[in-house]
PDB file of all heavy atoms in Angstrom:
ATOM      1  N   ASP A   1      13.642 -11.765  -1.942  1.00  0.00           N
ATOM      2  CA  ASP A   1      14.259 -10.379  -2.155  1.00  0.00           C
ATOM      3  C   ASP A   1      13.174  -9.337  -2.281  1.00  0.00           C
ATOM      4  O   ASP A   1      13.526  -8.158  -2.473  1.00  0.00           O
ATOM      5  CB  ASP A   1      15.024 -10.402  -3.433  1.00  0.00           C
ATOM      6  CG  ASP A   1      16.206 -11.345  -3.415  1.00  0.00           C
ATOM      7  OD1 ASP A   1      16.753 -11.469  -2.339  1.00  0.00           O
ATOM      8  OD2 ASP A   1      16.636 -11.910  -4.472  1.00  0.00           O
ATOM      9  N   TRP A   2      11.860  -9.687  -2.213  1.00  0.00           N
ATOM     10  CA  TRP A   2      10.792  -8.750  -2.409  1.00  0.00           C
ATOM     11  C   TRP A   2      10.257  -8.231  -1.063  1.00  0.00           C
ATOM     12  O   TRP A   2      10.232  -8.945  -0.129  1.00  0.00           O
ATOM     13  CB  TRP A   2       9.588  -9.439  -3.183  1.00  0.00           C
ATOM     14  CG  TRP A   2       9.987  -9.714  -4.644  1.00  0.00           C
ATOM     15  CD1 TRP A   2      10.925 -10.682  -5.071  1.00  0.00           C
ATOM     16  CD2 TRP A   2       9.541  -8.944  -5.735  1.00  0.00           C
ATOM     17  NE1 TRP A   2      11.007 -10.592  -6.508  1.00  0.00           N
ATOM     18  CE2 TRP A   2      10.188  -9.536  -6.926  1.00  0.00           C
ATOM     19  CE3 TRP A   2       8.636  -7.942  -5.921  1.00  0.00           C
ATOM     20  CZ2 TRP A   2       9.975  -9.032  -8.183  1.00  0.00           C
ATOM     21  CZ3 TRP A   2       8.484  -7.399  -7.188  1.00  0.00           C
ATOM     22  CH2 TRP A   2       9.148  -7.947  -8.301  1.00  0.00           C
ATOM     23  N   THR A   3       9.797  -6.914  -1.112  1.00  0.00           N
ATOM     24  CA  THR A   3       9.247  -6.252   0.002  1.00  0.00           C
ATOM     25  C   THR A   3       7.810  -5.836  -0.306  1.00  0.00           C
ATOM     26  O   THR A   3       7.510  -5.523  -1.541  1.00  0.00           O
ATOM     27  CB  THR A   3      10.051  -5.147   0.588  1.00  0.00           C
ATOM     28  OG1 THR A   3      10.359  -4.219  -0.474  1.00  0.00           O
ATOM     29  CG2 THR A   3      11.348  -5.769   1.143  1.00  0.00           C
ATOM     30  N   LEU A   4       7.029  -5.540   0.723  1.00  0.00           N
ATOM     31  CA  LEU A   4       5.620  -4.979   0.505  1.00  0.00           C
ATOM     32  C   LEU A   4       5.522  -3.707   1.284  1.00  0.00           C
ATOM     33  O   LEU A   4       5.922  -3.577   2.382  1.00  0.00           O
ATOM     34  CB  LEU A   4       4.575  -5.982   1.081  1.00  0.00           C
ATOM     35  CG  LEU A   4       3.147  -5.507   1.226  1.00  0.00           C
ATOM     36  CD1 LEU A   4       2.630  -5.165  -0.221  1.00  0.00           C
ATOM     37  CD2 LEU A   4       2.291  -6.550   1.865  1.00  0.00           C
ATOM     38  N   HIS A   5       5.052  -2.655   0.549  1.00  0.00           N
ATOM     39  CA  HIS A   5       4.911  -1.264   1.111  1.00  0.00           C
ATOM     40  C   HIS A   5       3.556  -0.760   0.930  1.00  0.00           C
ATOM     41  O   HIS A   5       2.979  -0.751  -0.174  1.00  0.00           O
ATOM     42  CB  HIS A   5       5.939  -0.317   0.472  1.00  0.00           C
ATOM     43  CG  HIS A   5       7.356  -0.763   0.485  1.00  0.00           C
ATOM     44  ND1 HIS A   5       8.273  -0.227   1.370  1.00  0.00           N
ATOM     45  CD2 HIS A   5       8.064  -1.796  -0.139  1.00  0.00           C
ATOM     46  CE1 HIS A   5       9.460  -0.806   1.195  1.00  0.00           C
ATOM     47  NE2 HIS A   5       9.254  -1.783   0.341  1.00  0.00           N
ATOM     48  N   ILE A   6       2.830  -0.397   2.086  1.00  0.00           N
ATOM     49  CA  ILE A   6       1.558   0.115   2.050  1.00  0.00           C
ATOM     50  C   ILE A   6       1.418   1.620   2.415  1.00  0.00           C
ATOM     51  O   ILE A   6       1.982   1.916   3.502  1.00  0.00           O
ATOM     52  CB  ILE A   6       0.613  -0.818   3.065  1.00  0.00           C
ATOM     53  CG1 ILE A   6       0.711  -2.297   2.611  1.00  0.00           C
ATOM     54  CG2 ILE A   6      -0.780  -0.191   3.113  1.00  0.00           C
ATOM     55  CD1 ILE A   6       0.047  -3.116   3.593  1.00  0.00           C
ATOM     56  N   TYR A   7       0.897   2.318   1.579  1.00  0.00           N
ATOM     57  CA  TYR A   7       0.831   3.807   1.787  1.00  0.00           C
ATOM     58  C   TYR A   7      -0.597   4.239   2.216  1.00  0.00           C
ATOM     59  O   TYR A   7      -1.548   3.795   1.598  1.00  0.00           O
ATOM     60  CB  TYR A   7       1.112   4.587   0.541  1.00  0.00           C
ATOM     61  CG  TYR A   7       2.607   4.447   0.113  1.00  0.00           C
ATOM     62  CD1 TYR A   7       2.984   3.361  -0.741  1.00  0.00           C
ATOM     63  CD2 TYR A   7       3.562   5.191   0.586  1.00  0.00           C
ATOM     64  CE1 TYR A   7       4.290   3.197  -1.066  1.00  0.00           C
ATOM     65  CE2 TYR A   7       4.954   5.083   0.221  1.00  0.00           C
ATOM     66  CZ  TYR A   7       5.301   3.956  -0.556  1.00  0.00           C
ATOM     67  OH  TYR A   7       6.581   3.809  -0.931  1.00  0.00           O
ATOM     68  N   GLY A   8      -0.712   4.943   3.352  1.00  0.00           N
ATOM     69  CA  GLY A   8      -1.961   5.427   3.825  1.00  0.00           C
ATOM     70  C   GLY A   8      -2.019   5.491   5.302  1.00  0.00           C
ATOM     71  O   GLY A   8      -1.082   4.958   6.070  1.00  0.00           O
ATOM     72  N   GLU A   9      -3.058   6.152   5.863  1.00  0.00           N
ATOM     73  CA  GLU A   9      -3.272   6.214   7.264  1.00  0.00           C
ATOM     74  C   GLU A   9      -4.674   5.838   7.578  1.00  0.00           C
ATOM     75  O   GLU A   9      -5.547   5.852   6.743  1.00  0.00           O
ATOM     76  CB  GLU A   9      -3.045   7.736   7.749  1.00  0.00           C
ATOM     77  CG  GLU A   9      -1.627   8.222   7.493  1.00  0.00           C
ATOM     78  CD  GLU A   9      -1.508   9.728   7.846  1.00  0.00           C
ATOM     79  OE1 GLU A   9      -2.530  10.313   7.954  1.00  0.00           O
ATOM     80  OE2 GLU A   9      -0.324  10.082   7.971  1.00  0.00           O
ATOM     81  N   GLY A  10      -4.903   5.425   8.885  1.00  0.00           N
ATOM     82  CA  GLY A  10      -6.289   5.178   9.223  1.00  0.00           C
ATOM     83  C   GLY A  10      -6.321   4.359  10.524  1.00  0.00           C
ATOM     84  O   GLY A  10      -5.321   4.032  11.103  1.00  0.00           O
ATOM     85  N   PRO A  11      -7.538   4.037  11.050  1.00  0.00           N
ATOM     86  CA  PRO A  11      -7.742   3.440  12.248  1.00  0.00           C
ATOM     87  C   PRO A  11      -7.253   2.013  12.444  1.00  0.00           C
ATOM     88  O   PRO A  11      -7.095   1.552  13.546  1.00  0.00           O
ATOM     89  CB  PRO A  11      -9.369   3.521  12.483  1.00  0.00           C
ATOM     90  CG  PRO A  11      -9.819   3.666  11.088  1.00  0.00           C
ATOM     91  CD  PRO A  11      -8.884   4.404  10.325  1.00  0.00           C
ATOM     92  N   ALA A  12      -7.001   1.390  11.236  1.00  0.00           N
ATOM     93  CA  ALA A  12      -6.617  -0.033  11.369  1.00  0.00           C
ATOM     94  C   ALA A  12      -5.046  -0.144  11.415  1.00  0.00           C
ATOM     95  O   ALA A  12      -4.564  -1.239  11.470  1.00  0.00           O
ATOM     96  CB  ALA A  12      -7.082  -0.833  10.029  1.00  0.00           C
ATOM     97  N   GLU A  13      -4.348   0.927  11.577  1.00  0.00           N
ATOM     98  CA  GLU A  13      -2.859   0.964  11.575  1.00  0.00           C
ATOM     99  C   GLU A  13      -2.323   0.039  12.592  1.00  0.00           C
ATOM    100  O   GLU A  13      -1.433  -0.798  12.350  1.00  0.00           O
ATOM    101  CB  GLU A  13      -2.391   2.303  11.699  1.00  0.00           C
ATOM    102  CG  GLU A  13      -0.799   2.297  11.703  1.00  0.00           C
ATOM    103  CD  GLU A  13      -0.242   3.845  11.691  1.00  0.00           C
ATOM    104  OE1 GLU A  13      -1.113   4.785  11.652  1.00  0.00           O
ATOM    105  OE2 GLU A  13       0.970   3.970  11.851  1.00  0.00           O
ATOM    106  N   GLU A  14      -2.768   0.160  13.940  1.00  0.00           N
ATOM    107  CA  GLU A  14      -2.216  -0.702  15.004  1.00  0.00           C
ATOM    108  C   GLU A  14      -2.484  -2.220  14.740  1.00  0.00           C
ATOM    109  O   GLU A  14      -1.572  -2.973  14.983  1.00  0.00           O
ATOM    110  CB  GLU A  14      -2.750  -0.221  16.318  1.00  0.00           C
ATOM    111  CG  GLU A  14      -2.166   1.035  16.780  1.00  0.00           C
ATOM    112  CD  GLU A  14      -0.659   0.987  16.938  1.00  0.00           C
ATOM    113  OE1 GLU A  14      -0.102   0.003  17.406  1.00  0.00           O
ATOM    114  OE2 GLU A  14      -0.012   1.970  16.454  1.00  0.00           O
ATOM    115  N   SER A  15      -3.696  -2.522  14.299  1.00  0.00           N
ATOM    116  CA  SER A  15      -3.974  -3.921  14.109  1.00  0.00           C
ATOM    117  C   SER A  15      -3.176  -4.575  12.944  1.00  0.00           C
ATOM    118  O   SER A  15      -2.698  -5.681  13.022  1.00  0.00           O
ATOM    119  CB  SER A  15      -5.519  -4.172  13.793  1.00  0.00           C
ATOM    120  OG  SER A  15      -5.905  -3.456  12.574  1.00  0.00           O
ATOM    121  N   LEU A  16      -2.854  -3.711  11.931  1.00  0.00           N
ATOM    122  CA  LEU A  16      -1.985  -4.220  10.870  1.00  0.00           C
ATOM    123  C   LEU A  16      -0.590  -4.354  11.406  1.00  0.00           C
ATOM    124  O   LEU A  16       0.135  -5.271  10.908  1.00  0.00           O
ATOM    125  CB  LEU A  16      -2.127  -3.208   9.673  1.00  0.00           C
ATOM    126  CG  LEU A  16      -3.446  -3.070   8.952  1.00  0.00           C
ATOM    127  CD1 LEU A  16      -3.394  -1.997   7.896  1.00  0.00           C
ATOM    128  CD2 LEU A  16      -3.855  -4.415   8.301  1.00  0.00           C
ATOM    129  N   LYS A  17      -0.094  -3.431  12.177  1.00  0.00           N
ATOM    130  CA  LYS A  17       1.282  -3.610  12.716  1.00  0.00           C
ATOM    131  C   LYS A  17       1.374  -4.867  13.517  1.00  0.00           C
ATOM    132  O   LYS A  17       2.361  -5.593  13.506  1.00  0.00           O
ATOM    133  CB  LYS A  17       1.576  -2.366  13.634  1.00  0.00           C
ATOM    134  CG  LYS A  17       1.882  -1.107  12.795  1.00  0.00           C
ATOM    135  CD  LYS A  17       2.250   0.013  13.810  1.00  0.00           C
ATOM    136  CE  LYS A  17       2.576   1.317  13.103  1.00  0.00           C
ATOM    137  NZ  LYS A  17       2.948   2.485  13.939  1.00  0.00           N
ATOM    138  N   ASN A  18       0.248  -5.183  14.272  1.00  0.00           N
ATOM    139  CA  ASN A  18       0.328  -6.415  15.085  1.00  0.00           C
ATOM    140  C   ASN A  18       0.402  -7.639  14.093  1.00  0.00           C
ATOM    141  O   ASN A  18       1.068  -8.579  14.473  1.00  0.00           O
ATOM    142  CB  ASN A  18      -0.901  -6.477  15.983  1.00  0.00           C
ATOM    143  CG  ASN A  18      -0.900  -5.503  17.165  1.00  0.00           C
ATOM    144  OD1 ASN A  18       0.197  -5.100  17.570  1.00  0.00           O
ATOM    145  ND2 ASN A  18      -2.067  -5.060  17.639  1.00  0.00           N
ATOM    146  N   LEU A  19      -0.368  -7.582  13.088  1.00  0.00           N
ATOM    147  CA  LEU A  19      -0.325  -8.647  12.130  1.00  0.00           C
ATOM    148  C   LEU A  19       1.047  -8.888  11.482  1.00  0.00           C
ATOM    149  O   LEU A  19       1.552 -10.011  11.382  1.00  0.00           O
ATOM    150  CB  LEU A  19      -1.440  -8.378  11.011  1.00  0.00           C
ATOM    151  CG  LEU A  19      -1.793  -9.509  10.053  1.00  0.00           C
ATOM    152  CD1 LEU A  19      -2.328 -10.722  10.770  1.00  0.00           C
ATOM    153  CD2 LEU A  19      -2.745  -9.097   9.026  1.00  0.00           C
ATOM    154  N   ILE A  20       1.668  -7.756  11.176  1.00  0.00           N
ATOM    155  CA  ILE A  20       2.994  -7.811  10.701  1.00  0.00           C
ATOM    156  C   ILE A  20       3.910  -8.552  11.653  1.00  0.00           C
ATOM    157  O   ILE A  20       4.848  -9.354  11.272  1.00  0.00           O
ATOM    158  CB  ILE A  20       3.534  -6.446  10.237  1.00  0.00           C
ATOM    159  CG1 ILE A  20       2.707  -5.957   9.110  1.00  0.00           C
ATOM    160  CG2 ILE A  20       5.029  -6.502   9.837  1.00  0.00           C
ATOM    161  CD1 ILE A  20       2.938  -4.387   8.765  1.00  0.00           C
ATOM    162  N   ARG A  21       3.801  -8.130  12.968  1.00  0.00           N
ATOM    163  CA  ARG A  21       4.573  -8.794  13.989  1.00  0.00           C
ATOM    164  C   ARG A  21       4.332 -10.230  14.123  1.00  0.00           C
ATOM    165  O   ARG A  21       5.229 -11.101  14.327  1.00  0.00           O
ATOM    166  CB  ARG A  21       4.385  -8.047  15.285  1.00  0.00           C
ATOM    167  CG  ARG A  21       5.105  -6.746  15.440  1.00  0.00           C
ATOM    168  CD  ARG A  21       5.140  -6.226  16.830  1.00  0.00           C
ATOM    169  NE  ARG A  21       3.838  -5.680  17.240  1.00  0.00           N
ATOM    170  CZ  ARG A  21       3.432  -4.471  17.076  1.00  0.00           C
ATOM    171  NH1 ARG A  21       4.152  -3.538  16.625  1.00  0.00           N
ATOM    172  NH2 ARG A  21       2.253  -4.125  17.587  1.00  0.00           N
ATOM    173  N   ILE A  22       3.086 -10.609  14.057  1.00  0.00           N
ATOM    174  CA  ILE A  22       2.624 -12.043  14.207  1.00  0.00           C
ATOM    175  C   ILE A  22       3.312 -12.883  13.090  1.00  0.00           C
ATOM    176  O   ILE A  22       3.819 -13.955  13.352  1.00  0.00           O
ATOM    177  CB  ILE A  22       1.079 -12.175  14.151  1.00  0.00           C
ATOM    178  CG1 ILE A  22       0.488 -11.624  15.404  1.00  0.00           C
ATOM    179  CG2 ILE A  22       0.752 -13.645  13.942  1.00  0.00           C
ATOM    180  CD1 ILE A  22      -1.023 -11.522  15.386  1.00  0.00           C
ATOM    181  N   PHE A  23       3.388 -12.359  11.843  1.00  0.00           N
ATOM    182  CA  PHE A  23       4.013 -12.972  10.742  1.00  0.00           C
ATOM    183  C   PHE A  23       5.548 -12.912  10.733  1.00  0.00           C
ATOM    184  O   PHE A  23       6.266 -13.382   9.913  1.00  0.00           O
ATOM    185  CB  PHE A  23       3.369 -12.602   9.452  1.00  0.00           C
ATOM    186  CG  PHE A  23       2.043 -13.154   9.153  1.00  0.00           C
ATOM    187  CD1 PHE A  23       0.969 -12.258   9.095  1.00  0.00           C
ATOM    188  CD2 PHE A  23       1.798 -14.541   9.133  1.00  0.00           C
ATOM    189  CE1 PHE A  23      -0.312 -12.758   8.883  1.00  0.00           C
ATOM    190  CE2 PHE A  23       0.566 -14.974   8.896  1.00  0.00           C
ATOM    191  CZ  PHE A  23      -0.582 -14.137   8.727  1.00  0.00           C
ATOM    192  N   GLU A  24       6.122 -12.128  11.705  1.00  0.00           N
ATOM    193  CA  GLU A  24       7.490 -11.809  11.826  1.00  0.00           C
ATOM    194  C   GLU A  24       8.099 -11.269  10.476  1.00  0.00           C
ATOM    195  O   GLU A  24       9.041 -11.738   9.930  1.00  0.00           O
ATOM    196  CB  GLU A  24       8.270 -13.114  12.188  1.00  0.00           C
ATOM    197  CG  GLU A  24       7.855 -13.608  13.503  1.00  0.00           C
ATOM    198  CD  GLU A  24       8.632 -14.928  14.013  1.00  0.00           C
ATOM    199  OE1 GLU A  24       9.347 -15.380  13.141  1.00  0.00           O
ATOM    200  OE2 GLU A  24       8.511 -15.324  15.106  1.00  0.00           O
ATOM    201  N   LEU A  25       7.259 -10.215   9.989  1.00  0.00           N
ATOM    202  CA  LEU A  25       7.738  -9.639   8.716  1.00  0.00           C
ATOM    203  C   LEU A  25       8.075  -8.139   8.800  1.00  0.00           C
ATOM    204  O   LEU A  25       7.912  -7.395   7.903  1.00  0.00           O
ATOM    205  CB  LEU A  25       6.461  -9.739   7.645  1.00  0.00           C
ATOM    206  CG  LEU A  25       6.192 -11.185   7.174  1.00  0.00           C
ATOM    207  CD1 LEU A  25       4.967 -11.160   6.389  1.00  0.00           C
ATOM    208  CD2 LEU A  25       7.343 -11.736   6.330  1.00  0.00           C
ATOM    209  N   GLU A  26       8.546  -7.790   9.977  1.00  0.00           N
ATOM    210  CA  GLU A  26       8.958  -6.385  10.251  1.00  0.00           C
ATOM    211  C   GLU A  26       9.987  -5.810   9.241  1.00  0.00           C
ATOM    212  O   GLU A  26       9.985  -4.628   8.970  1.00  0.00           O
ATOM    213  CB  GLU A  26       9.442  -6.175  11.656  1.00  0.00           C
ATOM    214  CG  GLU A  26       8.312  -6.441  12.713  1.00  0.00           C
ATOM    215  CD  GLU A  26       8.404  -7.785  13.206  1.00  0.00           C
ATOM    216  OE1 GLU A  26       8.804  -8.745  12.522  1.00  0.00           O
ATOM    217  OE2 GLU A  26       8.020  -8.028  14.456  1.00  0.00           O
ATOM    218  N   ASP A  27      10.786  -6.786   8.694  1.00  0.00           N
ATOM    219  CA  ASP A  27      11.852  -6.373   7.745  1.00  0.00           C
ATOM    220  C   ASP A  27      11.342  -6.554   6.285  1.00  0.00           C
ATOM    221  O   ASP A  27      12.229  -6.351   5.395  1.00  0.00           O
ATOM    222  CB  ASP A  27      13.170  -6.987   8.023  1.00  0.00           C
ATOM    223  CG  ASP A  27      13.086  -8.576   7.883  1.00  0.00           C
ATOM    224  OD1 ASP A  27      11.924  -9.052   7.925  1.00  0.00           O
ATOM    225  OD2 ASP A  27      14.093  -9.276   7.781  1.00  0.00           O
ATOM    226  N   ARG A  28      10.111  -6.886   6.097  1.00  0.00           N
ATOM    227  CA  ARG A  28       9.626  -7.228   4.780  1.00  0.00           C
ATOM    228  C   ARG A  28       8.445  -6.451   4.417  1.00  0.00           C
ATOM    229  O   ARG A  28       8.196  -6.120   3.183  1.00  0.00           O
ATOM    230  CB  ARG A  28       9.350  -8.696   4.567  1.00  0.00           C
ATOM    231  CG  ARG A  28      10.553  -9.641   4.869  1.00  0.00           C
ATOM    232  CD  ARG A  28      11.484  -9.660   3.750  1.00  0.00           C
ATOM    233  NE  ARG A  28      10.872 -10.081   2.386  1.00  0.00           N
ATOM    234  CZ  ARG A  28      10.647 -11.263   2.037  1.00  0.00           C
ATOM    235  NH1 ARG A  28      10.890 -12.414   2.891  1.00  0.00           N
ATOM    236  NH2 ARG A  28      10.090 -11.619   0.910  1.00  0.00           N
ATOM    237  N   VAL A  29       7.564  -6.050   5.458  1.00  0.00           N
ATOM    238  CA  VAL A  29       6.339  -5.370   5.128  1.00  0.00           C
ATOM    239  C   VAL A  29       6.408  -4.055   5.907  1.00  0.00           C
ATOM    240  O   VAL A  29       6.677  -4.041   7.093  1.00  0.00           O
ATOM    241  CB  VAL A  29       5.116  -6.167   5.638  1.00  0.00           C
ATOM    242  CG1 VAL A  29       3.862  -5.416   5.376  1.00  0.00           C
ATOM    243  CG2 VAL A  29       5.126  -7.538   4.891  1.00  0.00           C
ATOM    244  N   PHE A  30       6.089  -2.935   5.218  1.00  0.00           N
ATOM    245  CA  PHE A  30       6.283  -1.591   5.797  1.00  0.00           C
ATOM    246  C   PHE A  30       4.938  -0.796   5.614  1.00  0.00           C
ATOM    247  O   PHE A  30       4.421  -0.607   4.446  1.00  0.00           O
ATOM    248  CB  PHE A  30       7.449  -0.872   5.166  1.00  0.00           C
ATOM    249  CG  PHE A  30       8.734  -1.642   5.182  1.00  0.00           C
ATOM    250  CD1 PHE A  30       9.058  -2.458   4.159  1.00  0.00           C
ATOM    251  CD2 PHE A  30       9.514  -1.586   6.348  1.00  0.00           C
ATOM    252  CE1 PHE A  30      10.224  -3.228   4.306  1.00  0.00           C
ATOM    253  CE2 PHE A  30      10.654  -2.287   6.430  1.00  0.00           C
ATOM    254  CZ  PHE A  30      11.039  -3.162   5.395  1.00  0.00           C
ATOM    255  N   LEU A  31       4.483  -0.182   6.757  1.00  0.00           N
ATOM    256  CA  LEU A  31       3.411   0.801   6.598  1.00  0.00           C
ATOM    257  C   LEU A  31       4.038   2.147   6.490  1.00  0.00           C
ATOM    258  O   LEU A  31       4.644   2.616   7.449  1.00  0.00           O
ATOM    259  CB  LEU A  31       2.494   0.701   7.888  1.00  0.00           C
ATOM    260  CG  LEU A  31       1.839  -0.674   8.141  1.00  0.00           C
ATOM    261  CD1 LEU A  31       0.964  -0.547   9.371  1.00  0.00           C
ATOM    262  CD2 LEU A  31       1.045  -1.118   6.941  1.00  0.00           C
ATOM    263  N   GLU A  32       3.953   2.764   5.309  1.00  0.00           N
ATOM    264  CA  GLU A  32       4.708   3.942   5.000  1.00  0.00           C
ATOM    265  C   GLU A  32       4.021   5.278   5.392  1.00  0.00           C
ATOM    266  O   GLU A  32       4.530   6.252   5.257  1.00  0.00           O
ATOM    267  CB  GLU A  32       4.961   3.955   3.467  1.00  0.00           C
ATOM    268  CG  GLU A  32       5.816   2.754   3.008  1.00  0.00           C
ATOM    269  CD  GLU A  32       7.242   2.777   3.397  1.00  0.00           C
ATOM    270  OE1 GLU A  32       7.591   3.700   4.120  1.00  0.00           O
ATOM    271  OE2 GLU A  32       8.010   1.909   2.870  1.00  0.00           O
ATOM    272  N   GLY A  33       2.731   5.138   5.845  1.00  0.00           N
ATOM    273  CA  GLY A  33       1.995   6.426   6.127  1.00  0.00           C
ATOM    274  C   GLY A  33       1.510   7.083   4.881  1.00  0.00           C
ATOM    275  O   GLY A  33       1.566   6.544   3.795  1.00  0.00           O
ATOM    276  N   GLN A  34       0.963   8.237   5.006  1.00  0.00           N
ATOM    277  CA  GLN A  34       0.390   9.009   3.882  1.00  0.00           C
ATOM    278  C   GLN A  34       1.548   9.611   3.117  1.00  0.00           C
ATOM    279  O   GLN A  34       2.523  10.236   3.671  1.00  0.00           O
ATOM    280  CB  GLN A  34      -0.441  10.164   4.380  1.00  0.00           C
ATOM    281  CG  GLN A  34      -1.290  10.925   3.369  1.00  0.00           C
ATOM    282  CD  GLN A  34      -2.314  10.023   2.783  1.00  0.00           C
ATOM    283  OE1 GLN A  34      -2.930   9.246   3.456  1.00  0.00           O
ATOM    284  NE2 GLN A  34      -2.675  10.182   1.437  1.00  0.00           N
ATOM    285  N   THR A  35       1.487   9.468   1.737  1.00  0.00           N
ATOM    286  CA  THR A  35       2.545  10.110   0.988  1.00  0.00           C
ATOM    287  C   THR A  35       1.908  11.262   0.173  1.00  0.00           C
ATOM    288  O   THR A  35       0.742  11.231  -0.297  1.00  0.00           O
ATOM    289  CB  THR A  35       3.152   9.104  -0.094  1.00  0.00           C
ATOM    290  OG1 THR A  35       3.997   9.770  -0.925  1.00  0.00           O
ATOM    291  CG2 THR A  35       2.020   8.421  -0.923  1.00  0.00           C
ATOM    292  N   GLU A  36       2.660  12.342   0.029  1.00  0.00           N
ATOM    293  CA  GLU A  36       2.246  13.483  -0.754  1.00  0.00           C
ATOM    294  C   GLU A  36       2.743  13.436  -2.203  1.00  0.00           C
ATOM    295  O   GLU A  36       2.424  14.243  -3.022  1.00  0.00           O
ATOM    296  CB  GLU A  36       2.784  14.718  -0.103  1.00  0.00           C
ATOM    297  CG  GLU A  36       2.334  15.075   1.353  1.00  0.00           C
ATOM    298  CD  GLU A  36       0.826  15.173   1.388  1.00  0.00           C
ATOM    299  OE1 GLU A  36       0.202  15.777   0.415  1.00  0.00           O
ATOM    300  OE2 GLU A  36       0.236  14.617   2.399  1.00  0.00           O
ATOM    301  N   ASP A  37       3.449  12.326  -2.432  1.00  0.00           N
ATOM    302  CA  ASP A  37       4.000  12.141  -3.876  1.00  0.00           C
ATOM    303  C   ASP A  37       3.805  10.666  -4.246  1.00  0.00           C
ATOM    304  O   ASP A  37       4.846   9.974  -4.333  1.00  0.00           O
ATOM    305  CB  ASP A  37       5.508  12.553  -3.882  1.00  0.00           C
ATOM    306  CG  ASP A  37       6.130  12.571  -5.297  1.00  0.00           C
ATOM    307  OD1 ASP A  37       5.381  12.333  -6.211  1.00  0.00           O
ATOM    308  OD2 ASP A  37       7.284  12.833  -5.395  1.00  0.00           O
ATOM    309  N   ILE A  38       2.639  10.330  -4.551  1.00  0.00           N
ATOM    310  CA  ILE A  38       2.333   8.880  -4.873  1.00  0.00           C
ATOM    311  C   ILE A  38       2.999   8.516  -6.256  1.00  0.00           C
ATOM    312  O   ILE A  38       3.471   7.394  -6.411  1.00  0.00           O
ATOM    313  CB  ILE A  38       0.871   8.642  -4.916  1.00  0.00           C
ATOM    314  CG1 ILE A  38       0.558   7.157  -5.050  1.00  0.00           C
ATOM    315  CG2 ILE A  38       0.171   9.406  -6.095  1.00  0.00           C
ATOM    316  CD1 ILE A  38       1.010   6.340  -3.875  1.00  0.00           C
ATOM    317  N   GLU A  39       3.191   9.475  -7.172  1.00  0.00           N
ATOM    318  CA  GLU A  39       3.799   9.203  -8.401  1.00  0.00           C
ATOM    319  C   GLU A  39       5.235   8.654  -8.181  1.00  0.00           C
ATOM    320  O   GLU A  39       5.594   7.670  -8.830  1.00  0.00           O
ATOM    321  CB  GLU A  39       3.877  10.494  -9.339  1.00  0.00           C
ATOM    322  CG  GLU A  39       4.438  10.142 -10.685  1.00  0.00           C
ATOM    323  CD  GLU A  39       4.530  11.419 -11.597  1.00  0.00           C
ATOM    324  OE1 GLU A  39       4.164  12.463 -11.158  1.00  0.00           O
ATOM    325  OE2 GLU A  39       4.941  11.251 -12.742  1.00  0.00           O
ATOM    326  N   THR A  40       6.024   9.359  -7.394  1.00  0.00           N
ATOM    327  CA  THR A  40       7.361   8.875  -7.109  1.00  0.00           C
ATOM    328  C   THR A  40       7.357   7.506  -6.431  1.00  0.00           C
ATOM    329  O   THR A  40       8.123   6.677  -6.831  1.00  0.00           O
ATOM    330  CB  THR A  40       8.126  10.024  -6.298  1.00  0.00           C
ATOM    331  OG1 THR A  40       8.254  11.087  -7.020  1.00  0.00           O
ATOM    332  CG2 THR A  40       9.505   9.323  -5.927  1.00  0.00           C
ATOM    333  N   SER A  41       6.450   7.334  -5.533  1.00  0.00           N
ATOM    334  CA  SER A  41       6.341   6.011  -4.813  1.00  0.00           C
ATOM    335  C   SER A  41       6.035   4.871  -5.805  1.00  0.00           C
ATOM    336  O   SER A  41       6.617   3.825  -5.655  1.00  0.00           O
ATOM    337  CB  SER A  41       5.197   6.072  -3.667  1.00  0.00           C
ATOM    338  OG  SER A  41       5.475   7.054  -2.801  1.00  0.00           O
TER     339      SER A  41
END
C-alpha cells in the first residue's frame, strides 16, 4: 500500500526513470519534479 515520491530536478532524471521502469514500479515510485511548497508535500 506504500508509495515513494522524490521531489527535485536534475541531470539524473532520465536514468532514474529508466530504473523505475526496470523494476516495473511506475505505479509506486514517482519523480515529482521541483516543488515550491515542500512543507505541504
